[in-house]
Every structure is written in C-alpha cells, then in structure tokens.
C-alpha cells in the first residue's frame, strides 16, 4: 500500500520533532525550566512583551520598560516579534517559558522539515531528503546556537525561500503568489532575525550570479524574470514592514555602530573538521585546539565533520563536471564557507593579515554588525543538499552508512542543554508591586542587566515597573557612556561609587533600588552603606534613594 505524500510529510515531521525533543528538551518541567543557556531570559521577555504591548495599546517597537531614561528601540535587538506574535495565544494561556521551549525545540524540527521539502523538490526521493533534513535541522550550527539564541536557531524560512525560487523557476507557482509568499517569508524573517535576512540577501545574490554563469539562453531569461519577481516581493516587504523600518531608521543613531566584533566571531579554518565542545564525538580529543578558537561555544558554527566533507569533495570532483546543479550548490556552499571565516583567516588565536572577501562586506551598512561565523548555517544547507543528491543517485548501503556516520558526528552533548529554572520571587507579582511601590515606578534591580534576573522578574511583575537597566542584545549608546552602568555590568564597585549612584538615581528619577538575593555582597554593602532608607520585604531589600534611615 502506497502512503500518500501528505501522510509521509506528517510522519517525517513527527520524527524530526521527536529527535529534537530528545536532543534539546529542558532538564526539568517545560513550564519552569528553559532550554540551553546564554540568553533565554531576554527571549522569554520578548515573547511576553509583544502581546502585552499590543494588548495594552503600547508602542511595541520603542519602550521605556527597560533602560528607562534612555529608551530602548527593539527593532535593533533580538526581540523576535514574528515568533512572539504568532505564539501570543499560547503565551497568554500557558506562559512564556513553555512557549520558549516549544519554539526552540520545534524550531529545529521545522528547520529540518523545511530542508527536507527543499531536498525532496530536488531529488524527488524521501529517504535522501529525510537525511538532508537531519543534516540541516540538527547541524553543529543549530546545536551551538541552541545554547541561547532563539532568533538564530529558528531557520525554516531559509530553505523555504530557496524552495519558493525553485518552484517559480519550474513554473509551479504563479507570479502573484510567488511575490506574496516571498514577501511574507522575508517579513517573517525580519521579525525573527534581521541579521539572517541580511546574510540571506547577500548569499541570494551570490547564488543568482553563480546560476547565471553557464546558463542557457532560456535559463537566463527565467533567472532574470525571477530576479524581477524577487525585487517586486522586496518592494512589497518594504511596504508591509513600514512601521518596523520607520522605527529602525529612527533608532539607528541610538545603537552602537558595531555591536560585536566580527573578527572575534568568525569561523576558524580548522573549525570545519574539528568537533567543538558541544558535540559528543571527538570533542575531548581536540579540545586543546578548539578551545583556542575565537569567540565562544555558541558561535563556533563551522563544524561539518570529516565524513560530510569527504561526501562534498566526492560530489565536486565526480559530479560537478556533469551536473550543473551540483556545481552551483558546491560553489555557493564554498563561498558561504569563505564568508563565514570573516575578514581575515583565523587559526587558533592567530589572525593572519591575509584579507578574505568578507573584509569588504564588513565596511557596508548593516553588514558591519553581522557575525560571520553564523553564515555557517548556509554551509550546512548546502552540505545537506549535496548529501541528498549523493544518496539519491544510487541505492547504496555504503552511501547510507557514510551518511549515518556523518550524522553521528553531529550529535550534541545532552548536558549542554540542561538549561536553568525560571527565576521567581514572591516580591515580583503585579499585586505586590502595585502595593509596595508608587504607580509606574522606575527601579534599579541588582544584579544589573544581563548578569541578573531582571528581565524575568519584570515579566513576573506584569511589566508594572520600569527599570533603568535590562538586556535585549545590546546596551544603548548613551547608557554605555554612563560609568555606573559600566561598573554594574562588570560587578565592580569604584572608589566614587556613591557619587555615581547618586547622580544616576537623580538623573533617571529612580524610585527604588531593589537588591535581590543574587547581588554580590560587596555591591549590596556599598549600597546599604550610603545611608538611604532600606527595608526588607521577603528576600528583597528595598532602598529608597535620598530618604534617610
């Protein structure tokens, strides 16, 4: 009995979802423990913020709930409006922690499924396409970014965009539907990660030019028409994204010119074949080398593994000469790999003076803040498609054995995704905040910003206070110049701390300093020694500036 294609797709997605849950599920309850580490609090905050702001008629793009006194523009941050808005009904019913976990785990499954659909369009076969989905959806890139970057792990729209282009070239989708669907895809991606949208656009141009080389006259005509249709979808995207782009332009001068150093977050030349600390197979053997890669574990995104590399090389030397599609995929994958190494060649902690092509891209507007290592995601997509073609050309047990070995090299260490529990405190409830503090108060929460639980506590309090700190991807330019904020972010108490704090409190009209249990003892002592009125409420110390004991 032949299984219907739709049923096959359902089965494939269920398999992907089960694998993702096994690999990345939280250690404890899905309602109280978060997948991974790093930055989950800011993403849970964002999942809560968008429905809250829209429901209460507030401007969701710019807020003073965080960085009060400075103002914060969310269009330049990792605020994931697409995911927050789509999941809003579930967030309001089940809470943002569960939604964060479901989107994280489900994102890998959807990414794998999207790559499967693209590979199926290319090969016409399910088994090779299923393997391709595994390579993309559970790549080393995915496992590394799962440590804390929800905006970068949710990548199903990238294979989908490529699939839409293929369907248009095959004339399986009408122009008007292509333009609409492509615009909606770009709009959704803008609301997940504008960085990925920018790099997708750059790689898309590269793919188009590579396809144009050696194309027949008929193919060139279709490619030119496709470019026109993509431009039309881009114009529609600009119209649909009007409010977002308006605030993005408005807030450009308030953000740091470069949020992170691209040279620090570039793929090492050895990272493509040496497994990093998040992977199970071989990571200990090479840890003395991989621990010297620049950046950190969540940004070591180059690894594809020796078996996968051998498959790619075999396809290049054996098939690229006779298959134009293989040639295009191989060249574009190679270009993406070179781009992911950044502006200069890295080997360990050594950076050569030899400039790579991305050195030019770093000088362009918007691309200067792109972290090149993240382009490794496109390398994985190319590798997945090459593997699908490799497996589809011949029914060979040996080829599938190679593919399975390649996949085993990508299995992550389960311990890295234990995550942490959602920080709660009975002080931070909407009713208690309203009872103990003035209406719509401005507070300074310690520990400060990204080193403390301030974002989680604000969610629990129903956004019923403004805070002079916070963390959502970057520190506003004006705040970066404040010596007190710099000291608090570094857990430092300067000699003139009292004067710094007094000026900060007065300038930004702070009603209360809330010292939570996680605060460094030296910092707590420095605040209490000023002599301002302080009271204990449970395990939180409330300090009221300029009110004497």
Protein backbone atom coordinates (compact mmCIF):
# COMPACT_ATOMS: atom_id res chain seq x y z
CA UNK A 1 0.00 0.00 0.00
CA UNK A 2 1.43 3.31 -1.07
CA UNK A 3 1.45 6.06 1.56
CA UNK A 4 0.07 9.40 0.45
CA UNK A 5 2.67 12.21 0.09
CA UNK A 6 0.95 14.34 2.73
CA UNK A 7 0.99 11.45 5.19
CA UNK A 8 4.70 10.95 4.50
CA UNK A 9 5.32 14.60 5.34
CA UNK A 10 3.43 14.27 8.62
CA UNK A 11 5.46 11.20 9.57
CA UNK A 12 8.72 12.91 8.65
CA UNK A 13 7.89 15.95 10.77
CA UNK A 14 6.92 13.78 13.76
CA UNK A 15 10.29 12.03 13.52
CA UNK A 16 12.10 15.37 13.44
CA UNK A 17 10.08 16.67 16.40
CA UNK A 18 10.86 13.54 18.42
CA UNK A 19 14.58 13.78 17.66
CA UNK A 20 14.62 17.46 18.58
CA UNK A 21 12.84 16.78 21.87
CA UNK A 22 15.31 14.03 22.72
CA UNK A 23 18.35 16.17 21.95
CA UNK A 24 17.30 19.58 23.28
CA UNK A 25 14.47 19.14 25.81
CA UNK A 26 14.80 21.08 29.09
CA UNK A 27 16.11 19.26 32.14
CA UNK A 28 13.03 19.86 34.30
CA UNK A 29 9.45 20.89 33.64
CA UNK A 30 8.76 22.51 30.28
CA UNK A 31 6.85 25.19 32.21
CA UNK A 32 9.64 26.17 34.63
CA UNK A 33 12.98 25.18 33.03
CA UNK A 34 14.46 26.71 29.90
CA UNK A 35 16.33 25.01 27.06
CA UNK A 36 20.02 25.83 26.77
CA UNK A 37 21.86 28.65 28.48
CA UNK A 38 23.14 32.07 27.50
CA UNK A 39 20.29 34.48 26.78
CA UNK A 40 16.97 32.67 27.35
CA UNK A 41 15.65 35.33 29.77
CA UNK A 42 15.70 38.02 27.11
CA UNK A 43 13.80 35.84 24.64
CA UNK A 44 11.18 34.87 27.21
CA UNK A 45 10.83 38.59 27.97
CA UNK A 46 10.36 39.31 24.25
CA UNK A 47 7.75 36.54 23.88
CA UNK A 48 5.84 38.23 26.72
CA UNK A 49 6.42 41.84 25.67
CA UNK A 50 4.82 41.90 22.21
CA UNK A 51 1.40 40.52 23.21
CA UNK A 52 1.48 42.66 26.39
CA UNK A 53 2.28 45.86 24.48
CA UNK A 54 -0.29 45.22 21.74
CA UNK A 55 -2.99 44.20 24.22
CA UNK A 56 -2.42 47.35 26.32
CA UNK A 57 -2.16 49.71 23.34
CA UNK A 58 1.52 50.50 23.92
CA UNK A 59 4.17 51.09 21.26
CA UNK A 60 5.81 47.65 20.89
CA UNK A 61 8.79 48.97 18.90
CA UNK A 62 10.11 51.51 21.41
CA UNK A 63 9.76 51.20 25.17
CA UNK A 64 10.96 52.64 28.46
CA UNK A 65 10.09 49.47 30.37
CA UNK A 66 13.80 48.68 30.07
CA UNK A 67 16.60 51.25 30.01
CA UNK A 68 14.16 53.82 31.37
CA UNK A 69 15.59 57.28 30.89
CA UNK A 70 17.42 56.13 27.78
CA UNK A 71 14.59 54.43 25.92
CA UNK A 72 15.10 51.22 24.02
CA UNK A 73 14.46 50.55 20.33
CA UNK A 74 13.51 46.91 19.88
CA UNK A 75 13.92 46.91 16.08
CA UNK A 76 17.70 46.77 16.58
CA UNK A 77 17.55 43.99 19.15
CA UNK A 78 16.83 40.27 19.23
CA UNK A 79 13.17 40.90 20.04
CA UNK A 80 11.67 38.17 17.75
CA UNK A 81 8.29 39.87 17.05
CA UNK A 82 7.31 37.22 14.47
CA UNK A 83 7.60 34.38 16.95
CA UNK A 84 6.10 36.41 19.80
CA UNK A 85 3.01 37.45 17.83
CA UNK A 86 2.38 34.01 16.28
CA UNK A 87 2.67 32.32 19.68
CA UNK A 88 0.79 35.02 21.62
CA UNK A 89 -2.41 32.97 22.25
CA UNK A 90 -0.40 30.10 23.76
CA UNK A 91 1.79 32.53 25.72
CA UNK A 92 -1.26 34.13 27.33
CA UNK A 93 -2.70 30.72 28.25
CA UNK A 94 0.34 28.59 29.16
CA UNK A 95 3.06 31.14 29.90
CA UNK A 96 6.18 32.31 28.04
CA UNK A 97 8.59 29.68 29.41
CA UNK A 98 6.68 26.79 27.83
CA UNK A 99 6.39 28.75 24.58
CA UNK A 100 10.13 29.48 24.61
CA UNK A 101 10.89 25.78 24.96
CA UNK A 102 8.37 24.73 22.30
CA UNK A 103 9.62 27.30 19.80
CA UNK A 104 13.24 26.33 20.48
CA UNK A 105 12.70 22.58 20.16
CA UNK A 106 10.08 22.93 17.44
CA UNK A 107 12.32 25.35 15.51
CA UNK A 108 14.91 22.65 14.89
CA UNK A 109 12.21 20.23 13.75
CA UNK A 110 10.68 22.83 11.42
CA UNK A 111 14.13 23.73 10.05
CA UNK A 112 14.80 20.07 9.34
CA UNK A 113 11.38 19.66 7.73
CA UNK A 114 11.85 22.73 5.55
CA UNK A 115 15.20 21.38 4.32
CA UNK A 116 13.53 18.02 3.68
CA UNK A 117 10.91 19.69 1.46
CA UNK A 118 13.61 21.52 -0.50
CA UNK A 119 15.67 18.34 -0.94
CA UNK A 120 12.54 16.43 -1.99
CA UNK A 121 11.93 19.03 -4.71
CA UNK A 122 15.49 18.48 -5.95
CA UNK A 123 15.79 14.70 -5.69
CA UNK A 124 12.19 13.51 -5.77
CA UNK A 125 13.02 10.89 -3.12
CA UNK A 126 12.02 10.74 0.53
CA UNK A 127 14.87 8.85 2.21
CA UNK A 128 17.72 11.05 0.89
CA UNK A 129 15.64 14.14 1.64
CA UNK A 130 14.99 12.91 5.18
CA UNK A 131 18.73 12.60 5.74
CA UNK A 132 19.26 16.08 4.34
CA UNK A 133 16.74 17.46 6.82
CA UNK A 134 18.67 15.85 9.66
CA UNK A 135 21.92 17.45 8.49
CA UNK A 136 20.41 20.93 8.37
CA UNK A 137 18.00 20.87 11.31
CA UNK A 138 20.45 19.25 13.73
CA UNK A 139 23.71 20.68 12.47
CA UNK A 140 26.58 21.81 14.67
CA UNK A 141 25.39 25.36 13.96
CA UNK A 142 21.96 24.53 15.36
CA UNK A 143 23.39 22.80 18.43
CA UNK A 144 25.75 25.68 19.15
CA UNK A 145 23.12 28.40 18.77
CA UNK A 146 20.68 26.34 20.86
CA UNK A 147 22.80 27.39 23.84
CA UNK A 148 20.89 30.65 23.93
CA UNK A 149 19.98 32.26 20.59
CA UNK A 150 16.37 31.53 19.69
CA UNK A 151 16.48 34.09 16.87
CA UNK A 152 19.23 32.08 15.18
CA UNK A 153 18.03 28.52 15.77
CA UNK A 154 14.65 29.12 14.15
CA UNK A 155 15.72 28.82 10.50
CA UNK A 156 12.95 27.06 8.50
CA UNK A 157 12.33 30.15 6.36
CA UNK A 158 15.73 29.90 4.65
CA UNK A 159 15.13 26.56 2.85
CA UNK A 160 11.55 27.71 2.27
CA UNK A 161 12.75 30.82 0.40
CA UNK A 162 15.01 28.67 -1.79
CA UNK A 163 12.13 26.27 -2.44
CA UNK A 164 9.87 29.15 -3.50
CA UNK A 165 12.50 30.27 -6.00
CA UNK A 166 12.79 26.76 -7.44
CA UNK A 167 9.03 26.45 -7.72
CA UNK A 168 8.90 29.73 -9.61
CA UNK A 169 11.69 28.65 -11.98
CA UNK A 170 9.78 25.42 -12.54
CA UNK A 171 6.62 27.49 -13.12
CA UNK A 172 4.80 25.53 -10.42
CA UNK A 173 3.68 28.70 -8.69
CA UNK A 174 2.10 31.78 -10.25
CA UNK A 175 3.91 35.09 -10.20
CA UNK A 176 1.48 36.89 -7.91
CA UNK A 177 1.51 34.06 -5.38
CA UNK A 178 5.30 33.88 -5.51
CA UNK A 179 5.61 37.62 -4.87
CA UNK A 180 3.17 37.47 -1.96
CA UNK A 181 4.65 34.35 -0.35
CA UNK A 182 8.23 35.56 -0.80
CA UNK A 183 7.35 38.94 0.73
CA UNK A 184 5.66 37.28 3.71
CA UNK A 185 8.68 35.00 4.14
CA UNK A 186 11.05 37.97 4.16
CA UNK A 187 8.78 39.90 6.51
CA UNK A 188 8.62 36.96 8.92
CA UNK A 189 12.39 36.51 8.79
CA UNK A 190 12.89 40.22 9.51
CA UNK A 191 10.86 39.69 12.67
CA UNK A 192 12.99 36.70 13.70
CA UNK A 193 16.50 37.87 12.78
CA UNK A 194 17.24 40.81 10.53
CA UNK A 195 20.86 39.64 10.56
CA UNK A 196 19.90 36.33 8.94
CA UNK A 197 17.72 38.22 6.45
CA UNK A 198 20.70 40.42 5.53
CA UNK A 199 23.09 37.48 5.06
CA UNK A 200 20.39 35.59 3.13
CA UNK A 201 20.12 38.53 0.74
CA UNK A 202 23.89 38.59 0.21
CA UNK A 203 24.05 34.84 -0.38
CA UNK A 204 20.96 35.05 -2.59
CA UNK A 205 22.75 37.48 -4.90
CA UNK A 206 25.76 35.15 -5.00
CA UNK A 207 23.56 32.15 -5.86
CA UNK A 208 21.81 34.11 -8.63
CA UNK A 209 25.09 35.12 -10.29
CA UNK A 210 26.51 31.60 -9.99
CA UNK A 211 23.34 30.21 -11.62
CA UNK A 212 23.66 32.78 -14.39
CA UNK A 213 27.18 31.62 -15.30
CA UNK A 214 27.00 28.95 -17.98
CA UNK A 215 23.22 29.07 -18.18
CA UNK A 216 21.47 28.60 -21.49
CA UNK A 217 19.59 31.48 -23.07
CA UNK A 218 16.25 30.13 -21.84
CA UNK A 219 17.60 29.65 -18.32
CA UNK A 220 18.99 33.18 -18.29
CA UNK A 221 15.62 34.60 -19.26
CA UNK A 222 13.96 32.67 -16.43
CA UNK A 223 16.63 33.81 -13.97
CA UNK A 224 16.20 37.46 -14.97
CA UNK A 225 12.45 37.15 -14.57
CA UNK A 226 12.97 35.52 -11.19
CA UNK A 227 15.17 38.45 -10.12
CA UNK A 228 12.44 40.89 -11.15
CA UNK A 229 9.85 38.93 -9.18
CA UNK A 230 12.14 38.86 -6.13
CA UNK A 231 12.59 42.62 -6.38
CA UNK A 232 8.82 43.03 -6.52
CA UNK A 233 8.48 40.88 -3.40
CA UNK A 234 11.17 43.03 -1.78
CA UNK A 235 9.17 46.18 -2.51
CA UNK A 236 6.07 44.55 -1.02
CA UNK A 237 8.13 43.57 2.03
CA UNK A 238 9.19 47.20 2.49
CA UNK A 239 5.55 48.28 2.43
CA UNK A 240 4.43 45.60 4.88
CA UNK A 241 7.38 46.29 7.18
CA UNK A 242 6.83 50.05 7.09
CA UNK A 243 6.29 50.61 10.85
CA UNK A 244 9.21 48.32 11.77
CA UNK A 245 11.55 50.03 9.29
CA UNK A 246 10.41 53.50 10.39
CA UNK A 247 11.47 52.84 13.97
CA UNK A 248 14.60 51.08 12.78
CA UNK A 249 15.73 54.21 10.92
CA UNK A 250 14.61 56.41 13.82
CA UNK A 251 16.73 54.44 16.31
CA UNK A 252 19.82 53.87 14.20
CA UNK A 253 21.80 56.64 15.92
CA UNK A 254 20.99 55.25 19.37
CA UNK A 255 22.63 51.87 18.79
CA UNK A 256 26.34 51.03 18.83
CA UNK A 257 27.89 51.17 15.35
CA UNK A 258 29.27 47.65 15.82
CA UNK A 259 27.56 45.55 18.48
CA UNK A 260 30.08 42.70 18.42
CA UNK A 261 33.50 42.35 16.84
CA UNK A 262 33.14 40.36 13.57
CA UNK A 263 36.76 39.25 13.73
CA UNK A 264 36.19 37.64 17.12
CA UNK A 265 33.13 35.76 15.89
CA UNK A 266 34.49 34.23 12.69
CA UNK A 267 34.90 30.55 11.90
CA UNK A 268 38.38 29.17 12.39
CA UNK A 269 39.84 27.41 9.35
CA UNK A 270 40.07 24.23 11.46
CA UNK A 271 36.53 24.50 12.80
CA UNK A 272 35.07 22.78 9.75
CA UNK A 273 36.65 19.44 10.66
CA UNK A 274 37.39 19.62 14.41
CA UNK A 275 34.40 18.99 16.70
CA UNK A 276 33.81 21.64 19.34
CA UNK A 277 32.89 21.26 22.98
CA UNK A 278 29.11 20.99 22.37
CA UNK A 279 29.48 17.80 20.28
CA UNK A 280 29.77 14.30 21.64
CA UNK A 281 32.09 12.57 19.16
CA UNK A 282 35.74 13.57 19.33
CA UNK A 283 35.37 16.90 21.13
CA UNK A 284 37.61 15.90 24.05
CA UNK A 285 40.30 14.66 21.69
CA UNK A 286 40.65 18.07 20.06
CA UNK A 287 39.61 20.38 22.90
CA UNK A 288 43.13 21.79 23.35
CA UNK A 289 42.84 23.13 19.80
CA UNK A 290 39.14 24.05 19.65
CA UNK A 291 39.20 25.88 22.98
CA UNK A 292 41.57 28.34 21.32
CA UNK A 293 39.05 29.29 18.66
CA UNK A 294 37.99 32.92 18.94
CA UNK A 295 34.51 33.72 20.21
CA UNK A 296 32.62 31.24 22.35
CA UNK A 297 30.93 27.84 22.12
CA UNK A 298 27.61 29.23 20.87
CA UNK A 299 29.39 30.93 17.95
CA UNK A 300 31.61 28.01 16.89
CA UNK A 301 29.38 27.33 13.89
CA UNK A 302 31.73 25.92 11.26
CA UNK A 303 31.82 22.20 12.01
CA UNK A 304 30.53 19.87 9.30
CA UNK A 305 32.72 16.87 10.05
CA UNK A 306 35.22 14.89 8.00
CA UNK A 307 32.68 12.37 6.60
CA UNK A 308 30.44 15.16 5.31
CA UNK A 309 33.42 17.00 3.89
CA UNK A 310 34.50 13.85 2.03
CA UNK A 311 31.00 13.50 0.56
CA UNK A 312 31.12 17.11 -0.61
CA UNK A 313 34.57 16.67 -2.15
CA UNK A 314 33.47 13.49 -3.92
CA UNK A 315 30.48 15.33 -5.37
CA UNK A 316 32.69 18.20 -6.51
CA UNK A 317 35.25 16.04 -8.28
CA UNK A 318 32.93 13.34 -9.59
CA UNK A 319 29.61 15.04 -10.25
CA UNK A 320 30.13 18.80 -10.57
CA UNK A 321 31.50 18.42 -14.11
CA UNK A 322 28.37 16.63 -15.34
CA UNK A 323 25.69 18.13 -13.07
CA UNK A 324 25.20 21.86 -13.24
CA UNK A 325 23.03 21.78 -10.12
CA UNK A 326 25.77 20.07 -8.10
CA UNK A 327 28.26 22.62 -9.42
CA UNK A 328 26.05 25.54 -8.35
CA UNK A 329 25.41 24.11 -4.87
CA UNK A 330 29.10 23.29 -4.36
CA UNK A 331 30.32 26.73 -5.44
CA UNK A 332 27.74 28.56 -3.33
CA UNK A 333 28.50 26.38 -0.32
CA UNK A 334 32.20 27.12 -0.75
CA UNK A 335 31.51 30.86 -0.96
CA UNK A 336 29.41 30.69 2.22
CA UNK A 337 32.24 28.82 3.98
CA UNK A 338 34.75 31.51 2.98
CA UNK A 339 32.36 34.27 4.10
CA UNK A 340 31.90 32.53 7.46
CA UNK A 341 35.63 32.84 8.15
CA UNK A 342 35.25 36.62 8.36
CA UNK A 343 37.54 39.32 7.08
CA UNK A 344 40.80 37.54 7.88
CA UNK A 345 41.97 33.96 8.17
CA UNK A 346 41.90 32.56 11.73
CA UNK A 347 43.84 29.60 13.06
CA UNK A 348 43.56 29.18 16.80
CA UNK A 349 44.14 32.54 18.43
CA UNK A 350 46.22 33.67 15.47
CA UNK A 351 44.74 36.03 12.90
CA UNK A 352 46.58 36.43 9.64
CA UNK A 353 46.92 39.70 7.77
CA UNK A 354 45.55 37.96 4.67
CA UNK A 355 42.23 39.61 3.85
CA UNK A 356 39.25 37.46 2.89
CA UNK A 357 36.23 38.61 0.82
CA UNK A 358 34.11 39.36 3.90
CA UNK A 359 36.55 42.16 4.79
CA UNK A 360 34.80 44.21 2.09
CA UNK A 361 31.32 43.32 3.36
CA UNK A 362 32.23 44.50 6.86
CA UNK A 363 32.53 48.04 5.53
CA UNK A 364 28.99 48.07 4.14
CA UNK A 365 25.99 49.48 6.06
CA UNK A 366 24.19 46.91 8.26
CA UNK A 367 26.65 44.12 7.37
CA UNK A 368 29.28 45.58 9.69
CA UNK A 369 27.45 44.10 12.69
CA UNK A 370 26.94 40.67 11.12
CA UNK A 371 28.87 37.91 12.88
CA UNK A 372 30.45 35.89 10.05
CA UNK A 373 30.51 32.59 11.96
CA UNK A 374 26.71 32.49 11.72
CA UNK A 375 26.93 32.20 7.94
CA UNK A 376 27.86 28.60 8.74
CA UNK A 377 24.12 27.93 8.66
CA UNK A 378 24.15 28.35 4.87
CA UNK A 379 27.12 25.99 4.62
CA UNK A 380 25.06 23.35 6.39
CA UNK A 381 22.17 23.84 3.98
CA UNK A 382 24.50 23.37 1.02
CA UNK A 383 26.00 20.26 2.60
CA UNK A 384 22.54 18.85 3.27
CA UNK A 385 21.55 19.25 -0.38
CA UNK A 386 24.79 17.70 -1.62
CA UNK A 387 24.19 14.73 0.68
CA UNK A 388 20.64 14.34 -0.61
CA UNK A 389 21.86 14.24 -4.21
CA UNK A 390 24.70 11.87 -3.23
CA UNK A 391 22.21 9.42 -1.69
CA UNK A 392 19.61 9.75 -4.45
CA UNK A 393 21.97 8.91 -7.31
CA UNK A 394 22.36 5.28 -6.29
CA UNK A 395 20.66 2.96 -3.79
CA UNK A 396 23.79 2.02 -1.91
CA UNK A 397 24.15 0.68 1.61
CA UNK A 398 27.68 2.08 1.70
CA UNK A 399 26.48 5.59 0.90
CA UNK A 400 23.86 5.48 3.63
CA UNK A 401 26.47 4.14 6.05
CA UNK A 402 28.65 7.17 5.28
CA UNK A 403 25.64 9.46 5.80
CA UNK A 404 24.83 7.85 9.14
CA UNK A 405 28.44 8.25 10.30
CA UNK A 406 28.33 11.88 9.22
CA UNK A 407 25.14 12.39 11.26
CA UNK A 408 26.60 10.68 14.32
CA UNK A 409 29.42 13.23 14.22
CA UNK A 410 26.78 15.95 14.73
CA UNK A 411 25.17 14.51 17.89
CA UNK A 412 25.44 17.11 20.67
CA UNK A 413 26.18 16.55 24.35
CA UNK A 414 22.92 16.42 26.25
CA UNK A 415 24.41 18.16 29.30
CA UNK A 416 24.81 21.42 27.41
CA UNK A 417 21.03 21.83 27.13
CA UNK A 418 20.09 21.30 30.75
CA UNK A 419 19.30 24.99 30.97
CA UNK A 420 18.19 26.69 34.15
CA UNK A 421 14.98 27.22 36.04
CA UNK A 422 12.90 30.35 35.57
CA UNK A 423 13.85 32.75 38.42
CA UNK A 424 10.86 33.67 40.57
CA UNK A 425 10.40 35.74 43.70
CA UNK A 426 7.12 36.38 45.59
CA UNK A 427 8.04 40.08 45.70
CA UNK A 428 7.68 40.39 41.93
CA UNK A 429 3.97 39.93 41.34
CA UNK A 430 1.68 42.57 39.81
CA UNK A 431 -0.34 42.97 43.01
CA UNK A 432 2.68 43.24 45.29
CA UNK A 433 4.49 45.73 43.07
CA UNK A 434 1.41 47.95 42.99
CA UNK A 435 1.04 47.71 46.77
CA UNK A 436 4.63 48.38 47.78
CA UNK A 437 5.86 50.88 45.15
CA UNK A 438 4.42 54.08 43.66
CA UNK A 439 2.41 53.91 40.40
CA UNK A 440 4.52 53.01 37.37
CA UNK A 441 7.78 53.22 39.33
CA UNK A 442 11.31 53.35 37.96
CA UNK A 443 13.55 50.82 39.70
CA UNK A 444 17.17 49.76 39.55
CA UNK A 445 17.41 46.00 40.04
CA UNK A 446 20.58 44.34 41.32
CA UNK A 447 22.30 42.31 39.96
CA UNK A 448 22.19 44.61 36.98
CA UNK A 449 21.23 43.84 33.38
CA UNK A 450 22.41 40.64 31.75
CA UNK A 451 24.17 39.31 34.85
CA UNK A 452 20.95 39.17 36.85
CA UNK A 453 17.31 38.01 36.57
CA UNK A 454 15.84 41.49 36.00
CA UNK A 455 14.13 40.59 32.70
CA UNK A 456 12.41 37.55 34.23
CA UNK A 457 11.31 39.49 37.31
CA UNK A 458 9.75 42.18 35.13
CA UNK A 459 7.74 39.56 33.24
CA UNK A 460 6.52 38.05 36.53
CA UNK A 461 5.51 41.54 37.68
CA UNK A 462 3.37 42.00 34.57
CA UNK A 463 5.57 44.85 33.29
CA UNK A 464 4.23 47.02 36.14
CA UNK A 465 7.53 48.83 36.62
CA UNK A 466 10.18 50.47 34.51
CA UNK A 467 13.81 49.59 35.11
CA UNK A 468 16.91 51.65 34.44
CA UNK A 469 18.72 48.60 33.10
CA UNK A 470 17.85 45.44 31.21
CA UNK A 471 19.29 43.31 28.47
CA UNK A 472 17.97 42.69 24.98
CA UNK A 473 21.01 42.19 22.77
CA UNK A 474 22.81 45.49 23.23
CA UNK A 475 23.32 48.41 25.61
CA UNK A 476 22.06 51.78 24.30
CA UNK A 477 24.89 54.08 23.25
CA UNK A 478 24.07 56.71 25.91
CA UNK A 479 23.92 54.07 28.64
CA UNK A 480 27.31 52.69 27.61
CA UNK A 481 28.81 56.07 28.45
CA UNK A 482 27.44 56.01 32.00
CA UNK A 483 30.29 54.99 34.37
CA UNK A 484 27.89 53.48 36.90
CA UNK A 485 26.30 51.17 34.30
CA UNK A 486 29.72 50.07 33.12
CA UNK A 487 30.71 49.28 36.72
CA UNK A 488 27.48 47.41 37.49
CA UNK A 489 27.78 45.32 34.32
CA UNK A 490 31.27 44.29 35.39
CA UNK A 491 30.32 43.64 39.04
CA UNK A 492 32.68 46.46 40.03
CA UNK A 493 32.46 48.97 42.89
CA UNK A 494 34.52 52.07 42.02
CA UNK A 495 36.00 54.48 44.53
CA UNK A 496 33.39 57.12 43.67
CA UNK A 497 30.52 54.62 43.62
CA UNK A 498 28.34 56.67 45.97
CA UNK A 499 28.56 59.77 43.78
CA UNK A 500 28.00 57.71 40.61
CA UNK A 501 24.89 56.10 42.07
CA UNK A 502 23.51 59.39 43.41
CA UNK A 503 23.91 61.09 40.02
CA UNK A 504 22.35 58.12 38.22
CA UNK A 505 19.39 57.95 40.59
CA UNK A 506 18.74 61.69 40.35
CA UNK A 507 19.13 61.90 36.57
CA UNK A 508 16.84 58.98 35.77
CA UNK A 509 14.36 59.60 38.61
CA UNK A 510 14.71 56.16 40.17
CA UNK A 511 12.09 55.48 42.86
CA UNK A 512 13.68 52.40 44.38
CA UNK A 513 16.74 50.18 44.25
CA UNK A 514 15.77 46.53 44.57
CA UNK A 515 18.55 44.30 45.88
CA UNK A 516 17.76 40.66 45.12
CA UNK A 517 19.48 37.67 46.81
CA UNK A 518 21.83 37.10 43.85
CA UNK A 519 23.51 40.50 44.35
CA UNK A 520 27.23 40.49 45.02
CA UNK A 521 27.81 41.05 48.79
CA UNK A 522 30.29 43.87 48.15
CA UNK A 523 27.79 45.70 45.96
CA UNK A 524 24.99 45.21 48.46
CA UNK A 525 27.21 46.53 51.24
CA UNK A 526 28.22 49.56 49.13
CA UNK A 527 24.57 50.50 48.51
CA UNK A 528 23.45 49.98 52.09
CA UNK A 529 26.40 51.98 53.47
CA UNK A 530 25.15 55.16 51.76
CA UNK A 531 22.55 55.56 54.48
CA UNK A 532 19.41 55.73 52.38
CA UNK A 533 16.26 54.22 53.83
CA UNK A 534 16.15 50.46 53.31
CA UNK A 535 13.59 47.84 54.26
CA UNK A 536 13.42 44.11 53.75
CA UNK A 537 10.45 42.54 52.02
CA UNK A 538 10.94 38.81 51.98
CA UNK A 539 14.40 38.26 50.48
CA UNK A 540 14.39 41.57 48.58
CA UNK A 541 15.91 44.73 50.08
CA UNK A 542 14.15 47.95 49.02
CA UNK A 543 16.38 51.03 49.08
CA UNK A 544 14.62 54.37 48.66
CA UNK A 545 17.14 56.93 47.37
CA UNK A 546 17.69 60.17 49.30
CA UNK A 547 15.33 59.08 52.08
CA UNK A 548 17.29 58.83 55.32
CA UNK A 549 17.03 55.93 57.71
